[in-house]
Amino acid sequence: MAKSSIEWTDSSWNPLTGCTKVSPGCMHCYAERMARRLHAMGQPNYAQGFELTVHEHVAEAPLSWKKPQVIFVNSMSDMFHHDVPLAFIQRIFSVMHRADWHIFQILTKRAERLAALAPSLDWAPNVWMGVSVENADWMSRIASLKQCPAHVKFLSLEPLLGPLPGLDLDGIDWVIVGGESGPRARPMDKRWVLEIRDQCTAAGVPFFFKQWGGVRKKSTGRLLEGRTWDELPLRSA
């Protein structure tokens, strides 16, 4: 377990590390930068750098964490990467079901594989499933998310790289928006954020504004129209 600096979760659990790029949102991947740093530091889980790696030794770790918390699963990878065996994904879902005092948050850009495998997985009420959508070219991921029987379905619109008009929020329980941060961060237009916020308000969907981002994200902060937006879905665990 690692305490997370991500505003919408408490900690992270990485039974997988490493990934490959699938769309424009991956271009400046923070996980890849972090993996290279940890590899250079000699951290054993990153001996292969950012190559996809299964870590059997941490697969059941949340069962020993007694304090209930919100856990981001595979912050350094993608559970539904095509090279992750179904049997391992099923094992992780079994652990999440058994560790029912925690809430687990999963994000994927590989929404088609999520939809294909969803019937083979154990969707406990404490498992929240989300997809990342960075611009209108990838809104089809939302339709794939809706095919899975997760009790809480959410969107991570980060890094937001373009407007997302006409979001179909029917069946969506939570929306997170954030700008890209770090070296060579691409800009996010305030109008894109407000349009999404207004769509969420109209649909009654909780809206969470994570950050403006930029090269120095601490200086840009996370205020939107003079306030923070930290709305959350109703917890099912």
Protein backbone atom coordinates (compact mmCIF):
# COMPACT_ATOMS: atom_id res chain seq x y z
CA MET A 1 0.00 0.00 0.00
CA ALA A 2 1.16 3.52 -0.76
CA LYS A 3 -0.58 6.66 0.45
CA SER A 4 -1.77 8.51 -2.62
CA SER A 5 -1.47 12.20 -3.45
CA ILE A 6 -4.36 11.83 -5.91
CA GLU A 7 -7.19 13.99 -4.61
CA TRP A 8 -9.99 11.46 -5.15
CA THR A 9 -8.49 8.42 -3.43
CA ASP A 10 -6.68 7.43 -0.22
CA SER A 11 -4.04 4.96 -1.34
CA SER A 12 -2.86 2.82 -4.24
CA TRP A 13 -2.34 -0.90 -4.76
CA ASN A 14 -0.31 -2.12 -7.72
CA PRO A 15 -0.49 -5.87 -8.38
CA LEU A 16 0.44 -4.79 -11.92
CA THR A 17 2.98 -2.24 -13.09
CA GLY A 18 3.91 -1.09 -16.56
CA CYS A 19 1.81 -0.41 -19.61
CA THR A 20 1.81 0.60 -23.29
CA LYS A 21 0.35 3.67 -24.96
CA VAL A 22 -3.05 3.42 -26.67
CA SER A 23 -4.27 6.99 -27.23
CA PRO A 24 -3.25 10.69 -27.00
CA GLY A 25 -3.89 10.83 -23.25
CA CYS A 26 -0.98 8.43 -22.77
CA MET A 27 1.61 10.68 -24.44
CA HIS A 28 3.07 12.16 -21.25
CA CYS A 29 2.18 9.31 -18.89
CA TYR A 30 2.95 10.15 -15.25
CA ALA A 31 3.19 6.45 -14.38
CA GLU A 32 5.89 5.93 -16.98
CA ARG A 33 7.92 8.84 -15.58
CA MET A 34 7.51 7.50 -12.05
CA ALA A 35 8.45 3.95 -13.09
CA ARG A 36 11.69 5.17 -14.66
CA ARG A 37 12.53 7.04 -11.48
CA LEU A 38 11.81 4.00 -9.29
CA HIS A 39 13.82 1.78 -11.62
CA ALA A 40 16.79 4.13 -11.29
CA MET A 41 16.41 4.01 -7.51
CA GLY A 42 16.57 0.21 -7.56
CA GLN A 43 12.98 -0.41 -6.41
CA PRO A 44 12.50 -4.18 -6.92
CA ASN A 45 8.97 -3.95 -8.38
CA TYR A 46 10.35 -1.77 -11.18
CA ALA A 47 13.32 -3.90 -12.17
CA GLN A 48 11.73 -4.11 -15.65
CA GLY A 49 11.09 -0.38 -15.78
CA PHE A 50 7.72 0.27 -17.39
CA GLU A 51 7.31 -3.13 -19.00
CA LEU A 52 4.05 -4.78 -18.00
CA THR A 53 4.79 -6.89 -14.89
CA VAL A 54 2.53 -9.02 -12.70
CA HIS A 55 3.36 -8.90 -8.98
CA GLU A 56 1.97 -12.04 -7.41
CA HIS A 57 3.46 -11.15 -4.02
CA VAL A 58 1.13 -8.18 -3.55
CA ALA A 59 -1.98 -9.69 -5.12
CA GLU A 60 -3.70 -10.27 -1.76
CA ALA A 61 -2.21 -7.36 0.17
CA PRO A 62 -5.49 -5.46 0.85
CA LEU A 63 -6.75 -8.37 2.94
CA SER A 64 -4.17 -7.42 5.57
CA TRP A 65 -5.03 -3.70 5.59
CA LYS A 66 -7.52 -3.44 8.43
CA LYS A 67 -8.34 0.27 8.23
CA PRO A 68 -11.11 0.87 5.65
CA GLN A 69 -9.94 3.09 2.81
CA VAL A 70 -10.51 4.04 -0.80
CA ILE A 71 -7.90 2.26 -2.93
CA PHE A 72 -6.90 3.08 -6.50
CA VAL A 73 -6.09 -0.25 -8.17
CA ASN A 74 -3.15 -0.30 -10.60
CA SER A 75 -2.32 3.38 -10.58
CA MET A 76 0.87 2.30 -12.41
CA SER A 77 -0.77 0.11 -15.04
CA ASP A 78 -4.09 -0.88 -16.67
CA MET A 79 -5.97 -3.90 -15.35
CA PHE A 80 -7.44 -4.59 -18.78
CA HIS A 81 -4.23 -4.46 -20.78
CA HIS A 82 -4.43 -7.21 -23.42
CA ASP A 83 -1.38 -8.99 -21.94
CA VAL A 84 -2.91 -9.41 -18.47
CA PRO A 85 -4.31 -12.96 -18.15
CA LEU A 86 -8.01 -13.26 -17.37
CA ALA A 87 -7.16 -15.61 -14.48
CA PHE A 88 -5.08 -12.90 -12.80
CA ILE A 89 -7.82 -10.29 -13.27
CA GLN A 90 -10.31 -12.72 -11.73
CA ARG A 91 -7.96 -13.24 -8.79
CA ILE A 92 -7.78 -9.48 -8.17
CA PHE A 93 -11.56 -9.21 -8.32
CA SER A 94 -11.83 -12.04 -5.80
CA VAL A 95 -9.50 -10.21 -3.42
CA MET A 96 -11.56 -7.02 -3.75
CA HIS A 97 -14.74 -8.95 -2.99
CA ARG A 98 -13.22 -10.53 0.11
CA ALA A 99 -11.77 -7.19 1.31
CA ASP A 100 -15.26 -5.72 1.51
CA TRP A 101 -14.37 -3.06 4.10
CA HIS A 102 -12.44 -1.15 1.42
CA ILE A 103 -13.63 0.64 -1.71
CA PHE A 104 -11.62 -0.17 -4.85
CA GLN A 105 -11.40 2.17 -7.84
CA ILE A 106 -10.29 0.82 -11.23
CA LEU A 107 -9.60 2.91 -14.33
CA THR A 108 -8.99 1.68 -17.86
CA LYS A 109 -8.47 3.04 -21.34
CA ARG A 110 -9.07 -0.45 -22.73
CA ALA A 111 -12.83 -0.27 -22.45
CA GLU A 112 -13.54 -2.82 -25.17
CA ARG A 113 -11.69 -5.52 -23.25
CA LEU A 114 -13.47 -4.44 -20.08
CA ALA A 115 -16.83 -4.97 -21.79
CA ALA A 116 -15.72 -8.33 -23.20
CA LEU A 117 -14.47 -9.68 -19.85
CA ALA A 118 -17.11 -8.13 -17.58
CA PRO A 119 -19.42 -11.19 -17.59
CA SER A 120 -16.52 -13.32 -16.32
CA LEU A 121 -15.80 -11.10 -13.31
CA ASP A 122 -17.20 -10.87 -9.77
CA TRP A 123 -18.62 -7.34 -9.46
CA ALA A 124 -18.84 -6.74 -5.72
CA PRO A 125 -20.60 -3.54 -4.54
CA ASN A 126 -17.30 -2.09 -3.28
CA VAL A 127 -15.69 -2.12 -6.76
CA TRP A 128 -15.97 1.15 -8.69
CA MET A 129 -15.19 0.94 -12.39
CA GLY A 130 -14.15 3.89 -14.55
CA VAL A 131 -12.84 4.73 -18.00
CA SER A 132 -10.50 7.52 -19.05
CA VAL A 133 -11.66 9.81 -21.87
CA GLU A 134 -9.36 12.61 -23.03
CA ASN A 135 -11.24 14.01 -26.02
CA ALA A 136 -14.30 13.38 -28.18
CA ASP A 137 -12.51 10.77 -30.29
CA TRP A 138 -12.63 8.34 -27.36
CA MET A 139 -16.17 8.81 -26.07
CA SER A 140 -16.98 5.27 -27.24
CA ARG A 141 -15.26 4.08 -24.05
CA ILE A 142 -18.28 5.36 -22.12
CA ALA A 143 -20.63 3.04 -23.98
CA SER A 144 -18.32 0.11 -23.22
CA LEU A 145 -18.25 1.04 -19.53
CA LYS A 146 -22.04 0.96 -19.42
CA GLN A 147 -21.99 -2.68 -20.52
CA CYS A 148 -20.30 -3.78 -17.30
CA PRO A 149 -22.38 -4.46 -14.15
CA ALA A 150 -20.26 -2.39 -11.74
CA HIS A 151 -22.36 -0.83 -8.99
CA VAL A 152 -20.53 2.50 -9.40
CA LYS A 153 -19.41 3.65 -12.85
CA PHE A 154 -17.28 6.75 -13.28
CA LEU A 155 -15.45 8.82 -15.87
CA SER A 156 -11.95 10.24 -15.54
CA LEU A 157 -11.76 13.06 -18.08
CA GLU A 158 -8.04 13.58 -17.55
CA PRO A 159 -5.90 14.77 -19.11
CA LEU A 160 -8.73 16.70 -20.74
CA LEU A 161 -7.41 17.57 -24.22
CA GLY A 162 -10.55 18.84 -25.91
CA PRO A 163 -14.24 19.64 -25.42
CA LEU A 164 -16.71 16.87 -24.63
CA PRO A 165 -20.13 18.16 -25.67
CA GLY A 166 -23.12 15.86 -25.54
CA LEU A 167 -21.82 13.52 -22.85
CA ASP A 168 -24.23 10.65 -22.30
CA LEU A 169 -24.26 10.54 -18.50
CA ASP A 170 -27.18 8.15 -18.15
CA GLY A 171 -25.99 5.38 -15.83
CA ILE A 172 -22.81 7.27 -14.85
CA ASP A 173 -22.36 7.87 -11.13
CA TRP A 174 -19.36 10.23 -10.99
CA VAL A 175 -17.25 12.45 -13.24
CA ILE A 176 -13.67 13.57 -12.55
CA VAL A 177 -12.02 16.31 -14.65
CA GLY A 178 -8.38 17.34 -14.64
CA GLY A 179 -5.72 18.98 -16.76
CA GLU A 180 -2.41 17.42 -17.70
CA SER A 181 0.54 18.12 -15.39
CA GLY A 182 4.28 17.73 -15.59
CA PRO A 183 6.87 18.50 -18.26
CA ARG A 184 5.35 19.45 -21.65
CA ALA A 185 1.83 19.49 -20.19
CA ARG A 186 -0.80 20.30 -22.79
CA PRO A 187 -3.22 23.13 -21.89
CA MET A 188 -6.84 22.68 -20.85
CA ASP A 189 -9.44 25.31 -21.78
CA LYS A 190 -11.69 26.53 -18.97
CA ARG A 191 -14.67 26.42 -21.33
CA TRP A 192 -14.28 22.65 -21.70
CA VAL A 193 -14.38 22.22 -17.92
CA LEU A 194 -17.41 24.44 -17.41
CA GLU A 195 -19.31 22.67 -20.17
CA ILE A 196 -18.70 19.32 -18.47
CA ARG A 197 -19.57 20.74 -15.04
CA ASP A 198 -22.85 22.07 -16.40
CA GLN A 199 -23.69 18.75 -18.05
CA CYS A 200 -23.09 16.98 -14.74
CA THR A 201 -25.25 19.48 -12.86
CA ALA A 202 -28.08 19.04 -15.35
CA ALA A 203 -27.86 15.24 -15.11
CA GLY A 204 -27.48 15.17 -11.30
CA VAL A 205 -24.08 13.48 -11.54
CA PRO A 206 -21.43 14.31 -8.88
CA PHE A 207 -18.58 16.40 -10.36
CA PHE A 208 -15.00 16.39 -9.05
CA PHE A 209 -12.49 18.93 -10.38
CA LYS A 210 -9.03 17.53 -9.72
CA GLN A 211 -6.64 20.18 -11.06
CA TRP A 212 -5.81 22.72 -13.77
CA GLY A 213 -2.46 21.03 -14.21
CA GLY A 214 0.40 22.57 -16.13
CA VAL A 215 4.13 22.36 -15.64
CA ARG A 216 3.70 23.64 -12.05
CA LYS A 217 0.34 22.24 -11.01
CA LYS A 218 0.60 23.48 -7.41
CA SER A 219 0.63 27.08 -8.63
CA THR A 220 -2.43 26.63 -10.85
CA GLY A 221 -4.38 24.87 -8.11
CA ARG A 222 -7.81 23.33 -8.38
CA LEU A 223 -10.28 26.17 -7.88
CA LEU A 224 -13.03 26.45 -10.48
CA GLU A 225 -15.02 29.67 -10.39
CA GLY A 226 -13.68 30.43 -6.92
CA ARG A 227 -14.40 27.10 -5.23
CA THR A 228 -13.34 23.48 -5.07
CA TRP A 229 -15.57 20.78 -6.53
CA ASP A 230 -15.16 17.60 -4.50
CA GLU A 231 -18.46 15.89 -5.12
CA LEU A 232 -18.46 12.09 -4.68
CA PRO A 233 -20.84 9.26 -5.53
CA LEU A 234 -22.82 7.57 -2.80
CA ARG A 235 -20.54 4.96 -1.26
CA SER A 236 -21.68 1.40 -1.58
CA ALA A 237 -19.23 -0.02 0.96
